[in-house]
Amino acid sequence: MDAIQKNLLHEVAELDALPVGAYNIRTNGKSSARNTTANIDIESYEDKQGLKITIKPGTKKESLHIPVIISESGLKELVYNDFYIGEDCDVTIIAGCGISNCGGEDSRHDGVHSFYVGKNSRVRYIEKHYGEGTGAGKRLMNPETVAELSEGATMEMETSQIGGIDDTHRITRAKLDKNAALTIHDKILTNGHQNAIAEMRVDMNGDGGSCDIISRGVAKEDSYQEVVLAISGNAACKGHAECDSIIMDRGVILATPQLKATNVDASLIHEAAIGKIAGEQLMKLMTLGLSEKEAEDTIVQGFLR
């Protein structure tokens, strides 16, 4: 890997060397490094771009890294990754995509990640998106995450896009069975003329299911964000959706919470708030010696942490 690719890998997966455990690193449209373990198998599809990942029942305290990095201007790809997670597992999956575009053509990564989580399993999923480069070509990403949680399964998603992506349409769809639980923490930062659309839609189909979606966004300069948080309660379940956003400069934010109950014992709550940085927060930090811009950056970083 060259210096640009190493920096991208660090930004999206916090890797400065090959990780311990199972991994597949995709570089400019091809698998550049792979390792399987006794409990985690990784296979490439022959009829399409992507991976089939199988995690054996009972796998505990193991990790899987599957970052994607693109440093070629004009490269466009669509990748399908399918995760089959057996019963009674406890695993962490680190994904993410980084694009460095210093050329004049658009670079684009579209990915569909489908999770089939077995009974009583726990999955922690971390996905970061990052873009950089001085070229006129855009950095485009359109990730889609699909999750089906079996009875008693738990999934925690930490998804973030903290700068550098010109246009994105992010879709998350999930179905929860009896006593399954899903938590999503999503963070978006846009600036310039960037556009970001994020849709999170959850169907709770089993009694005892729970869902907690928290979305935080900051729109700077002339950027645009659109967030849709939709929960359907089709059983005796509990769901909570929260969208909290900061608008700056000439940014635009559209937040749409959607709740649908088809069961009398479904308990669903939504919250949405859009506001600016409070003047007293800026003044307090500036009295400590920070410039106005440094104070704004500090507040934004804390908000998106």
Protein backbone atom coordinates (compact mmCIF):
# COMPACT_ATOMS: atom_id res chain seq x y z
CA MET A 1 0.00 0.00 0.00
CA ASP A 2 1.13 3.55 -0.65
CA ALA A 3 0.85 6.40 1.87
CA ILE A 4 -2.59 7.52 0.64
CA GLN A 5 -4.05 4.02 0.95
CA LYS A 6 -2.53 3.55 4.41
CA ASN A 7 -4.08 6.83 5.55
CA LEU A 8 -7.51 5.80 4.23
CA LEU A 9 -7.24 2.47 6.04
CA HIS A 10 -6.43 4.29 9.26
CA GLU A 11 -9.33 6.73 8.86
CA VAL A 12 -12.05 4.14 8.21
CA ALA A 13 -10.84 1.20 10.31
CA GLU A 14 -8.16 2.64 12.64
CA LEU A 15 -5.69 0.15 11.23
CA ASP A 16 -1.97 0.84 10.86
CA ALA A 17 -1.14 -2.84 10.28
CA LEU A 18 -2.99 -6.04 9.47
CA PRO A 19 -5.48 -6.80 12.26
CA VAL A 20 -5.73 -9.85 14.46
CA GLY A 21 -8.51 -12.24 13.47
CA ALA A 22 -10.48 -12.46 10.25
CA TYR A 23 -10.23 -9.72 7.64
CA ASN A 24 -10.66 -8.81 4.00
CA ILE A 25 -9.19 -5.55 2.73
CA ARG A 26 -10.53 -4.35 -0.62
CA THR A 27 -8.29 -1.93 -2.51
CA ASN A 28 -9.33 -0.28 -5.80
CA GLY A 29 -11.87 -2.96 -6.68
CA LYS A 30 -9.88 -6.04 -5.65
CA SER A 31 -9.20 -8.03 -2.50
CA SER A 32 -5.64 -7.13 -1.46
CA ALA A 33 -5.42 -9.02 1.84
CA ARG A 34 -7.51 -11.74 3.50
CA ASN A 35 -7.42 -13.98 6.52
CA THR A 36 -9.96 -16.49 7.84
CA THR A 37 -10.13 -18.20 11.21
CA ALA A 38 -11.48 -21.49 12.50
CA ASN A 39 -14.80 -19.76 13.25
CA ILE A 40 -15.07 -17.07 10.58
CA ASP A 41 -14.96 -17.99 6.89
CA ILE A 42 -14.76 -15.50 4.01
CA GLU A 43 -15.57 -16.47 0.43
CA SER A 44 -15.68 -14.37 -2.74
CA TYR A 45 -18.75 -14.60 -4.95
CA GLU A 46 -18.13 -15.77 -8.49
CA ASP A 47 -21.20 -14.21 -10.12
CA LYS A 48 -20.94 -10.75 -8.51
CA GLN A 49 -18.59 -8.49 -6.58
CA GLY A 50 -18.70 -9.20 -2.88
CA LEU A 51 -18.27 -11.66 -0.05
CA LYS A 52 -20.10 -14.41 1.77
CA ILE A 53 -19.08 -14.41 5.42
CA THR A 54 -20.08 -17.31 7.66
CA ILE A 55 -19.65 -17.14 11.42
CA LYS A 56 -20.04 -20.46 13.22
CA PRO A 57 -22.55 -20.85 16.09
CA GLY A 58 -21.05 -20.15 19.48
CA THR A 59 -18.27 -17.86 18.21
CA LYS A 60 -17.32 -15.49 21.04
CA LYS A 61 -15.12 -12.39 21.33
CA GLU A 62 -13.84 -12.48 17.75
CA SER A 63 -13.60 -9.64 15.24
CA LEU A 64 -13.91 -9.21 11.49
CA HIS A 65 -12.47 -6.28 9.50
CA ILE A 66 -13.76 -5.62 5.97
CA PRO A 67 -12.66 -2.09 4.96
CA VAL A 68 -12.80 -0.75 1.39
CA ILE A 69 -10.36 1.87 0.10
CA ILE A 70 -10.37 3.62 -3.28
CA SER A 71 -7.52 5.81 -4.50
CA GLU A 72 -8.15 5.65 -8.26
CA SER A 73 -10.09 8.50 -9.85
CA GLY A 74 -13.00 7.24 -11.94
CA LEU A 75 -13.37 3.86 -10.24
CA LYS A 76 -16.99 2.81 -9.70
CA GLU A 77 -18.14 -0.38 -8.02
CA LEU A 78 -21.14 -2.15 -6.51
CA VAL A 79 -20.34 -4.74 -3.84
CA TYR A 80 -22.59 -7.25 -2.04
CA ASN A 81 -21.46 -8.60 1.33
CA ASP A 82 -23.64 -11.17 3.11
CA PHE A 83 -23.08 -12.10 6.77
CA TYR A 84 -24.50 -15.35 8.13
CA ILE A 85 -24.08 -15.28 11.90
CA GLY A 86 -24.90 -18.47 13.77
CA GLU A 87 -26.71 -18.81 17.09
CA ASP A 88 -25.21 -17.72 20.41
CA CYS A 89 -22.38 -15.60 18.95
CA ASP A 90 -20.70 -12.45 20.24
CA VAL A 91 -18.70 -10.71 17.49
CA THR A 92 -17.54 -7.28 16.34
CA ILE A 93 -17.54 -6.34 12.65
CA ILE A 94 -15.61 -3.27 11.46
CA ALA A 95 -16.42 -2.06 7.96
CA GLY A 96 -16.09 1.34 6.33
CA CYS A 97 -15.03 2.92 3.07
CA GLY A 98 -12.49 5.61 2.27
CA ILE A 99 -12.11 7.41 -1.05
CA SER A 100 -9.21 9.62 -2.08
CA ASN A 101 -9.90 11.32 -5.41
CA CYS A 102 -7.24 13.62 -6.84
CA GLY A 103 -8.44 13.32 -10.45
CA GLY A 104 -11.16 14.74 -12.65
CA GLU A 105 -13.54 11.76 -12.75
CA ASP A 106 -16.05 10.74 -10.11
CA SER A 107 -15.12 7.82 -7.83
CA ARG A 108 -18.01 5.81 -6.41
CA HIS A 109 -18.54 2.92 -4.01
CA ASP A 110 -22.00 1.41 -3.56
CA GLY A 111 -22.32 -1.46 -1.11
CA VAL A 112 -25.08 -3.70 0.21
CA HIS A 113 -24.39 -5.39 3.56
CA SER A 114 -26.95 -8.01 4.58
CA PHE A 115 -26.87 -9.47 8.09
CA TYR A 116 -28.69 -12.63 9.13
CA VAL A 117 -28.21 -12.77 12.90
CA GLY A 118 -28.91 -16.08 14.64
CA LYS A 119 -30.88 -16.68 17.81
CA ASN A 120 -29.47 -15.06 20.95
CA SER A 121 -26.42 -13.69 19.13
CA ARG A 122 -24.86 -10.27 19.70
CA VAL A 123 -23.27 -8.23 16.91
CA ARG A 124 -21.49 -4.90 17.17
CA TYR A 125 -21.17 -3.29 13.74
CA ILE A 126 -18.99 -0.23 13.08
CA GLU A 127 -19.06 1.52 9.71
CA LYS A 128 -17.16 4.73 8.89
CA HIS A 129 -17.16 6.67 5.63
CA TYR A 130 -14.44 9.14 4.74
CA GLY A 131 -13.38 11.13 1.69
CA GLU A 132 -10.44 13.31 0.71
CA GLY A 133 -8.56 14.55 -2.35
CA THR A 134 -8.00 17.74 -4.31
CA GLY A 135 -9.37 16.64 -7.70
CA ALA A 136 -12.50 17.95 -9.41
CA GLY A 137 -13.99 14.45 -9.45
CA LYS A 138 -16.59 13.72 -6.79
CA ARG A 139 -16.44 11.16 -3.99
CA LEU A 140 -19.72 9.24 -3.95
CA MET A 141 -21.02 6.54 -1.61
CA ASN A 142 -24.39 4.79 -1.41
CA PRO A 143 -24.33 2.16 1.35
CA GLU A 144 -27.29 -0.06 2.14
CA THR A 145 -27.48 -2.15 5.31
CA VAL A 146 -30.10 -4.87 5.72
CA ALA A 147 -30.44 -6.73 9.04
CA GLU A 148 -32.69 -9.61 10.07
CA LEU A 149 -32.51 -10.35 13.78
CA SER A 150 -33.74 -13.71 15.02
CA GLU A 151 -35.32 -14.31 18.43
CA GLY A 152 -33.27 -12.83 21.24
CA ALA A 153 -30.61 -11.39 18.93
CA THR A 154 -28.96 -8.03 19.61
CA MET A 155 -27.27 -5.70 17.12
CA GLU A 156 -25.51 -2.42 17.85
CA MET A 157 -24.72 -0.25 14.82
CA GLU A 158 -22.32 2.69 14.94
CA THR A 159 -22.36 4.42 11.56
CA SER A 160 -20.67 7.70 10.71
CA GLN A 161 -19.78 9.99 7.82
CA ILE A 162 -17.54 12.73 9.10
CA GLY A 163 -16.60 14.75 6.04
CA GLY A 164 -15.27 14.43 2.53
CA ILE A 165 -18.20 12.69 0.79
CA ASP A 166 -19.90 14.81 -1.88
CA ASP A 167 -23.12 12.86 -2.29
CA THR A 168 -24.55 9.90 -0.42
CA HIS A 169 -27.82 8.05 0.02
CA ARG A 170 -27.56 5.80 3.05
CA ILE A 171 -30.27 3.21 3.67
CA THR A 172 -30.67 0.99 6.73
CA ARG A 173 -33.49 -1.55 6.92
CA ALA A 174 -34.08 -4.02 9.75
CA LYS A 175 -36.58 -6.68 10.83
CA LEU A 176 -36.74 -7.79 14.45
CA ASP A 177 -38.13 -11.06 15.77
CA LYS A 178 -39.29 -11.85 19.30
CA ASN A 179 -37.15 -10.26 22.07
CA ALA A 180 -34.65 -8.94 19.53
CA ALA A 181 -32.99 -5.56 20.14
CA LEU A 182 -31.46 -3.05 17.73
CA THR A 183 -29.52 0.12 18.54
CA ILE A 184 -28.37 2.56 15.85
CA HIS A 185 -26.10 5.56 16.47
CA ASP A 186 -25.66 7.50 13.22
CA LYS A 187 -23.53 10.63 12.71
CA ILE A 188 -23.24 12.87 9.65
CA LEU A 189 -21.13 15.97 9.01
CA THR A 190 -21.48 17.84 5.71
CA ASN A 191 -19.96 21.04 4.36
CA GLY A 192 -19.45 22.87 1.07
CA HIS A 193 -22.11 21.73 -1.40
CA GLN A 194 -22.32 18.18 -0.08
CA ASN A 195 -25.62 16.29 0.02
CA ALA A 196 -26.47 13.47 2.41
CA ILE A 197 -29.67 11.44 2.67
CA ALA A 198 -30.02 8.89 5.47
CA GLU A 199 -33.00 6.53 5.80
CA MET A 200 -33.38 4.18 8.75
CA ARG A 201 -36.43 1.91 8.71
CA VAL A 202 -37.15 -0.75 11.31
CA ASP A 203 -39.98 -3.32 11.46
CA MET A 204 -40.52 -4.84 14.91
CA ASN A 205 -42.46 -8.01 14.28
CA GLY A 206 -42.08 -9.94 17.56
CA ASP A 207 -43.25 -9.40 21.12
CA GLY A 208 -40.59 -8.03 23.42
CA GLY A 209 -38.60 -6.40 20.64
CA SER A 210 -36.91 -3.04 21.14
CA CYS A 211 -35.33 -0.42 18.93
CA ASP A 212 -33.40 2.75 19.71
CA ILE A 213 -32.30 5.01 16.82
CA ILE A 214 -30.23 8.13 17.52
CA SER A 215 -29.20 10.36 14.61
CA ARG A 216 -26.92 13.37 14.95
CA GLY A 217 -26.03 15.68 12.09
CA VAL A 218 -24.19 18.92 11.44
CA ALA A 219 -24.75 20.81 8.15
CA LYS A 220 -22.20 23.55 7.41
CA GLU A 221 -21.84 26.11 4.60
CA ASP A 222 -24.18 25.24 1.66
CA SER A 223 -24.66 21.55 2.43
CA TYR A 224 -27.92 19.62 2.61
CA GLN A 225 -29.02 16.79 4.87
CA GLU A 226 -32.18 14.74 4.86
CA VAL A 227 -32.90 12.21 7.60
CA VAL A 228 -35.80 9.75 7.80
CA LEU A 229 -36.29 7.69 10.96
CA ALA A 230 -39.16 5.20 10.56
CA ILE A 231 -40.27 2.57 13.08
CA SER A 232 -43.16 0.13 12.62
CA GLY A 233 -44.44 -1.59 15.74
CA ASN A 234 -46.24 -4.75 14.68
CA ALA A 235 -46.19 -6.49 18.07
CA ALA A 236 -45.93 -5.73 21.78
CA CYS A 237 -42.65 -3.80 21.48
CA LYS A 238 -40.83 -0.59 22.32
CA GLY A 239 -39.30 1.84 19.84
CA HIS A 240 -37.53 5.19 20.17
CA ALA A 241 -36.24 7.49 17.42
CA GLU A 242 -34.27 10.68 18.05
CA CYS A 243 -32.90 13.15 15.51
CA ASP A 244 -30.74 15.98 16.85
CA SER A 245 -29.11 18.36 14.34
CA ILE A 246 -27.03 21.54 14.24
CA ILE A 247 -27.39 23.93 11.31
CA MET A 248 -24.64 26.39 10.44
CA ASP A 249 -24.02 29.03 7.75
CA ARG A 250 -26.49 28.38 4.87
CA GLY A 251 -26.99 24.67 5.53
CA VAL A 252 -30.33 22.91 5.12
CA ILE A 253 -31.63 20.02 7.22
CA LEU A 254 -34.86 18.09 6.73
CA ALA A 255 -35.70 15.65 9.54
CA THR A 256 -38.66 13.30 9.24
CA PRO A 257 -39.56 10.91 12.07
CA GLN A 258 -42.18 8.31 11.14
CA LEU A 259 -43.99 6.00 13.57
CA LYS A 260 -46.48 3.31 12.62
CA ALA A 261 -48.26 1.05 15.11
CA THR A 262 -50.32 -1.97 14.08
CA ASN A 263 -50.48 -3.47 17.58
CA VAL A 264 -52.23 -1.97 20.59
CA ASP A 265 -49.24 -2.85 22.81
CA ALA A 266 -46.65 -1.15 20.64
CA SER A 267 -45.02 1.78 22.46
CA LEU A 268 -43.29 4.17 20.06
CA ILE A 269 -41.66 7.56 20.72
CA HIS A 270 -39.91 10.05 18.45
CA GLU A 271 -37.98 13.27 19.06
CA ALA A 272 -36.58 15.74 16.54
CA ALA A 273 -34.65 18.97 17.11
CA ILE A 274 -32.74 21.32 14.81
CA GLY A 275 -30.88 24.35 16.12
CA LYS A 276 -27.76 26.45 15.97
CA ILE A 277 -24.74 26.52 18.24
CA ALA A 278 -25.61 28.52 21.32
CA GLY A 279 -23.80 31.85 21.64
CA GLU A 280 -22.95 31.26 25.29
CA GLN A 281 -21.16 28.03 24.37
CA LEU A 282 -18.97 29.91 21.90
CA MET A 283 -18.27 32.72 24.35
CA LYS A 284 -17.28 30.30 27.10
CA LEU A 285 -14.72 28.55 24.91
CA MET A 286 -13.42 31.79 23.44
CA THR A 287 -12.74 33.13 26.93
CA LEU A 288 -10.44 30.12 27.34
CA GLY A 289 -8.32 31.35 24.42
CA LEU A 290 -9.93 29.60 21.44
CA SER A 291 -10.74 31.47 18.24
CA GLU A 292 -14.36 31.47 17.08
CA LYS A 293 -13.60 28.79 14.48
CA GLU A 294 -11.71 26.65 17.01
CA ALA A 295 -14.63 26.99 19.43
CA GLU A 296 -17.12 25.95 16.73
CA ASP A 297 -14.99 22.95 15.78
CA THR A 298 -14.70 21.87 19.40
CA ILE A 299 -18.47 22.04 19.91
CA VAL A 300 -19.17 20.12 16.68
CA GLN A 301 -16.64 17.41 17.55
CA GLY A 302 -18.17 16.99 20.98
CA PHE A 303 -21.68 16.88 19.53
CA LEU A 304 -20.75 14.13 17.05
CA ARG A 305 -18.69 12.08 19.49
